[in-house]
């Protein structure tokens, strides 16, 4: 503890005995100066000593103030200078504005967001041109229950019976191609050279159809309700060429 003269001795006695001094009747000028110096020290560079004293149950600064009041004879005298920090205090950091958590939506198997790929193979304008009428794309479930890596899209025409169905398989193209080919052989299967890796056309119940394989992916297209002749087959081939360019 830093201190000199009678104030230091008096403060040491106060700390040792924890006796609160009574107001002095006579002012001690030198003791007053020493007491104020002691307070200044405990507030500034001696703060660590003050903190240690508090941990031991002794308020060094409080006792120093009592001593100051006693020897200075002025209990109301403010002799505790404002501490001068060695470094400027850090600028307060504003509290971050709380942001409400946005839950990530869980898409069920039938959500349209999981069915976009099939409807993006061809556009409504392209299908409408092939069918010679306006159409609206409608994501559809081709098998009644969701199947991994398989999406479908139905382009509905102006008439209730006119539409184009697109089914997009994004895996196992070789197996699916062979299975479709075997099933469609009785319906006038015709190979289409130069379209994707492998392709063939067939005659469906209400219009022509086509199966195209590219890499490990495959898509099928089939017209319904617009005819089943050569013009419709040629339109379907044009549409398939537009679609195969978008298979990656």
Protein backbone atom coordinates (compact mmCIF):
# COMPACT_ATOMS: atom_id res chain seq x y z
CA UNK A 1 0.00 0.00 0.00
CA UNK A 2 1.35 3.42 -0.97
CA UNK A 3 1.12 6.11 1.68
CA UNK A 4 3.22 8.52 3.78
CA UNK A 5 3.13 10.21 7.17
CA UNK A 6 0.43 10.01 9.77
CA UNK A 7 -2.39 9.32 7.26
CA UNK A 8 -0.72 6.12 6.17
CA UNK A 9 -0.22 5.00 9.77
CA UNK A 10 -3.82 5.82 10.64
CA UNK A 11 -5.12 4.00 7.57
CA UNK A 12 -3.03 0.93 8.45
CA UNK A 13 -4.53 0.90 11.94
CA UNK A 14 -8.03 1.20 10.48
CA UNK A 15 -7.43 -1.73 8.17
CA UNK A 16 -5.96 -3.83 10.97
CA UNK A 17 -8.74 -3.18 13.45
CA UNK A 18 -11.63 -2.40 11.08
CA UNK A 19 -12.53 0.42 13.52
CA UNK A 20 -14.53 3.27 12.04
CA UNK A 21 -12.98 6.64 13.07
CA UNK A 22 -15.10 9.40 14.52
CA UNK A 23 -15.06 12.89 13.13
CA UNK A 24 -11.97 14.73 14.29
CA UNK A 25 -12.35 17.91 16.32
CA UNK A 26 -9.08 19.39 15.01
CA UNK A 27 -8.07 19.61 11.34
CA UNK A 28 -4.70 18.05 10.53
CA UNK A 29 -3.49 19.76 7.30
CA UNK A 30 -0.74 17.27 6.48
CA UNK A 31 -2.90 14.29 7.39
CA UNK A 32 -5.64 15.72 5.19
CA UNK A 33 -3.24 15.94 2.24
CA UNK A 34 -1.98 12.42 2.84
CA UNK A 35 -5.52 11.03 3.11
CA UNK A 36 -6.54 12.62 -0.17
CA UNK A 37 -3.42 11.23 -1.82
CA UNK A 38 -4.32 7.79 -0.48
CA UNK A 39 -7.82 8.07 -1.98
CA UNK A 40 -6.41 9.22 -5.30
CA UNK A 41 -4.05 6.24 -5.34
CA UNK A 42 -6.77 3.67 -4.55
CA UNK A 43 -9.05 5.11 -7.23
CA UNK A 44 -6.34 5.01 -9.92
CA UNK A 45 -3.17 2.91 -9.98
CA UNK A 46 -3.95 1.23 -6.65
CA UNK A 47 -7.36 -0.01 -7.79
CA UNK A 48 -6.08 -3.57 -7.84
CA UNK A 49 -5.19 -3.26 -4.13
CA UNK A 50 -8.68 -1.93 -3.42
CA UNK A 51 -10.20 -4.87 -5.29
CA UNK A 52 -8.07 -7.35 -3.33
CA UNK A 53 -9.13 -5.69 -0.06
CA UNK A 54 -12.81 -6.02 -0.98
CA UNK A 55 -12.32 -9.72 -1.64
CA UNK A 56 -10.98 -9.99 1.92
CA UNK A 57 -13.92 -8.04 3.31
CA UNK A 58 -12.03 -4.76 3.79
CA UNK A 59 -13.09 -1.61 1.93
CA UNK A 60 -9.77 0.25 1.71
CA UNK A 61 -11.26 3.16 -0.19
CA UNK A 62 -14.16 3.50 2.20
CA UNK A 63 -11.84 3.53 5.18
CA UNK A 64 -9.56 6.06 3.47
CA UNK A 65 -12.54 8.37 2.97
CA UNK A 66 -13.48 8.03 6.62
CA UNK A 67 -9.92 8.94 7.59
CA UNK A 68 -9.97 11.89 5.20
CA UNK A 69 -13.17 13.20 6.76
CA UNK A 70 -11.68 12.83 10.20
CA UNK A 71 -8.37 14.62 9.58
CA UNK A 72 -9.72 17.18 7.13
CA UNK A 73 -12.71 18.01 9.32
CA UNK A 74 -14.94 18.29 6.24
CA UNK A 75 -17.14 15.18 5.98
CA UNK A 76 -18.77 16.60 2.86
CA UNK A 77 -15.49 17.23 1.04
CA UNK A 78 -15.21 15.29 -2.22
CA UNK A 79 -11.61 14.22 -2.39
CA UNK A 80 -12.06 11.32 -4.80
CA UNK A 81 -10.84 12.48 -8.21
CA UNK A 82 -12.27 10.96 -11.33
CA UNK A 83 -9.95 8.18 -12.44
CA UNK A 84 -7.87 8.99 -15.50
CA UNK A 85 -7.88 5.90 -17.67
CA UNK A 86 -4.58 5.00 -19.28
CA UNK A 87 -6.41 4.12 -22.51
CA UNK A 88 -9.62 5.54 -23.92
CA UNK A 89 -12.61 3.32 -23.21
CA UNK A 90 -13.63 1.16 -26.13
CA UNK A 91 -16.47 2.48 -28.23
CA UNK A 92 -19.67 0.71 -27.30
CA UNK A 93 -20.69 -1.87 -29.84
CA UNK A 94 -24.38 -1.63 -30.64
CA UNK A 95 -26.29 -4.74 -29.87
CA UNK A 96 -27.17 -6.63 -33.04
CA UNK A 97 -30.74 -6.30 -34.16
CA UNK A 98 -32.40 -9.64 -33.55
CA UNK A 99 -33.48 -11.31 -36.74
CA UNK A 100 -36.40 -13.63 -36.57
CA UNK A 101 -35.41 -17.08 -37.70
CA UNK A 102 -37.12 -18.07 -40.94
CA UNK A 103 -37.88 -21.77 -40.88
CA UNK A 104 -36.82 -23.70 -43.95
CA UNK A 105 -39.94 -25.11 -45.54
CA UNK A 106 -40.05 -28.87 -45.78
CA UNK A 107 -41.38 -29.83 -49.17
CA UNK A 108 -43.55 -32.88 -49.37
CA UNK A 109 -43.10 -35.28 -52.22
CA UNK A 110 -45.93 -33.70 -54.19
CA UNK A 111 -44.77 -30.11 -53.93
CA UNK A 112 -44.41 -28.39 -57.31
CA UNK A 113 -40.89 -27.26 -56.40
CA UNK A 114 -39.79 -30.91 -56.67
CA UNK A 115 -41.40 -31.27 -60.10
CA UNK A 116 -39.93 -28.35 -62.02
CA UNK A 117 -37.44 -30.23 -64.18
CA UNK A 118 -39.96 -32.01 -66.40
CA UNK A 119 -41.80 -28.77 -67.14
CA UNK A 120 -38.55 -27.05 -68.07
CA UNK A 121 -37.55 -29.47 -70.81
CA UNK A 122 -39.89 -27.66 -73.19
CA UNK A 123 -41.75 -24.37 -72.94
CA UNK A 124 -45.47 -23.73 -73.16
CA UNK A 125 -44.83 -21.83 -76.40
CA UNK A 126 -42.97 -24.77 -77.94
CA UNK A 127 -45.63 -27.30 -76.95
CA UNK A 128 -48.40 -24.97 -78.06
CA UNK A 129 -46.78 -24.59 -81.45
CA UNK A 130 -46.49 -28.38 -81.80
CA UNK A 131 -50.13 -28.92 -80.76
CA UNK A 132 -51.40 -25.92 -82.76
CA UNK A 133 -53.15 -24.44 -79.71
CA UNK A 134 -52.44 -22.66 -76.45
CA UNK A 135 -51.33 -24.83 -73.53
CA UNK A 136 -50.68 -24.48 -69.82
CA UNK A 137 -47.99 -26.49 -68.02
CA UNK A 138 -49.15 -28.50 -65.03
CA UNK A 139 -46.75 -30.53 -62.88
CA UNK A 140 -48.08 -34.03 -62.50
CA UNK A 141 -47.34 -37.28 -60.71
CA UNK A 142 -46.84 -39.93 -63.39
CA UNK A 143 -47.30 -42.98 -61.16
CA UNK A 144 -49.71 -41.91 -58.43
CA UNK A 145 -46.92 -42.07 -55.84
CA UNK A 146 -43.66 -40.07 -55.89
CA UNK A 147 -40.72 -41.92 -57.42
CA UNK A 148 -37.14 -40.75 -56.76
CA UNK A 149 -35.48 -39.05 -59.75
CA UNK A 150 -38.68 -39.05 -61.80
CA UNK A 151 -40.77 -35.96 -62.59
CA UNK A 152 -43.65 -35.39 -64.96
CA UNK A 153 -45.38 -32.45 -66.59
CA UNK A 154 -48.69 -32.25 -68.42
CA UNK A 155 -49.25 -29.49 -70.95
CA UNK A 156 -53.00 -29.04 -71.11
CA UNK A 157 -54.47 -27.70 -74.32
CA UNK A 158 -57.61 -25.69 -74.93
CA UNK A 159 -59.71 -28.81 -75.26
CA UNK A 160 -60.24 -31.12 -72.32
CA UNK A 161 -58.91 -34.12 -74.24
CA UNK A 162 -55.87 -32.45 -75.84
CA UNK A 163 -52.61 -32.57 -73.91
CA UNK A 164 -48.93 -33.52 -74.03
CA UNK A 165 -47.37 -35.64 -71.30
CA UNK A 166 -43.64 -35.39 -70.48
CA UNK A 167 -41.96 -37.80 -68.06
CA UNK A 168 -38.35 -37.14 -67.09
CA UNK A 169 -36.14 -39.90 -65.61
CA UNK A 170 -32.91 -38.47 -64.16
CA UNK A 171 -31.24 -41.82 -63.50
CA UNK A 172 -31.02 -45.39 -64.86
CA UNK A 173 -31.63 -44.33 -68.47
CA UNK A 174 -30.33 -47.58 -70.00
CA UNK A 175 -32.59 -49.82 -67.94
CA UNK A 176 -35.65 -47.59 -68.43
CA UNK A 177 -35.05 -47.29 -72.20
CA UNK A 178 -34.90 -51.07 -72.64
CA UNK A 179 -38.01 -51.54 -70.54
CA UNK A 180 -39.98 -48.97 -72.56
CA UNK A 181 -38.73 -50.39 -75.85
CA UNK A 182 -39.80 -53.90 -74.91
CA UNK A 183 -43.25 -52.70 -73.88
CA UNK A 184 -43.79 -50.52 -76.98
CA UNK A 185 -42.57 -53.01 -79.61
CA UNK A 186 -46.12 -53.96 -80.50
CA UNK A 187 -47.00 -50.32 -81.19
CA UNK A 188 -44.90 -49.64 -84.28
CA UNK A 189 -41.52 -48.83 -82.71
CA UNK A 190 -39.21 -46.85 -85.00
CA UNK A 191 -35.62 -45.94 -84.12
CA UNK A 192 -34.66 -42.26 -84.48
CA UNK A 193 -30.95 -41.92 -85.33
CA UNK A 194 -29.07 -38.85 -84.17
CA UNK A 195 -31.47 -37.90 -81.40
CA UNK A 196 -29.75 -38.11 -78.01
CA UNK A 197 -27.84 -41.36 -77.50
CA UNK A 198 -30.81 -43.58 -78.38
CA UNK A 199 -34.39 -42.77 -79.32
CA UNK A 200 -37.49 -44.40 -80.75
CA UNK A 201 -41.04 -43.39 -81.61
CA UNK A 202 -44.25 -45.39 -81.15
CA UNK A 203 -47.97 -45.02 -81.72
CA UNK A 204 -49.84 -44.42 -78.48
CA UNK A 205 -53.54 -44.93 -77.91
CA UNK A 206 -54.46 -41.27 -78.58
CA UNK A 207 -51.37 -39.93 -80.33
CA UNK A 208 -47.70 -40.49 -81.14
CA UNK A 209 -45.03 -40.93 -78.48
CA UNK A 210 -41.24 -40.78 -78.28
CA UNK A 211 -38.57 -42.02 -75.85
CA UNK A 212 -35.14 -40.34 -75.82
CA UNK A 213 -32.06 -41.38 -73.79
CA UNK A 214 -29.09 -39.08 -73.18
CA UNK A 215 -26.33 -40.06 -70.78
CA UNK A 216 -27.94 -41.50 -67.67
CA UNK A 217 -31.16 -39.53 -68.23
CA UNK A 218 -34.24 -40.22 -70.31
CA UNK A 219 -37.51 -38.54 -71.18
CA UNK A 220 -40.72 -39.59 -72.83
CA UNK A 221 -43.24 -37.39 -74.68
CA UNK A 222 -46.68 -38.31 -75.90
CA UNK A 223 -49.44 -36.35 -77.61
CA UNK A 224 -53.06 -37.07 -76.83
CA UNK A 225 -56.23 -35.84 -78.49
CA UNK A 226 -54.71 -34.05 -81.51
CA UNK A 227 -54.34 -36.89 -83.99
CA UNK A 228 -52.04 -39.81 -84.65
CA UNK A 229 -50.68 -39.17 -88.13
CA UNK A 230 -47.46 -38.09 -89.78
CA UNK A 231 -47.93 -34.34 -89.10
CA UNK A 232 -48.31 -35.00 -85.38
CA UNK A 233 -45.29 -37.33 -85.38
CA UNK A 234 -43.18 -34.70 -87.14
CA UNK A 235 -44.26 -32.05 -84.60
CA UNK A 236 -43.34 -34.44 -81.80
CA UNK A 237 -39.86 -34.98 -83.27
CA UNK A 238 -39.29 -31.21 -83.40
CA UNK A 239 -40.37 -30.90 -79.77
CA UNK A 240 -38.09 -33.78 -78.72
CA UNK A 241 -35.10 -32.11 -80.37
CA UNK A 242 -35.82 -28.94 -78.40
CA UNK A 243 -36.06 -30.94 -75.17
CA UNK A 244 -32.91 -33.04 -75.62
CA UNK A 245 -30.81 -29.89 -75.82
CA UNK A 246 -31.87 -29.09 -72.24
CA UNK A 247 -30.94 -32.48 -70.78
CA UNK A 248 -27.67 -32.11 -68.86
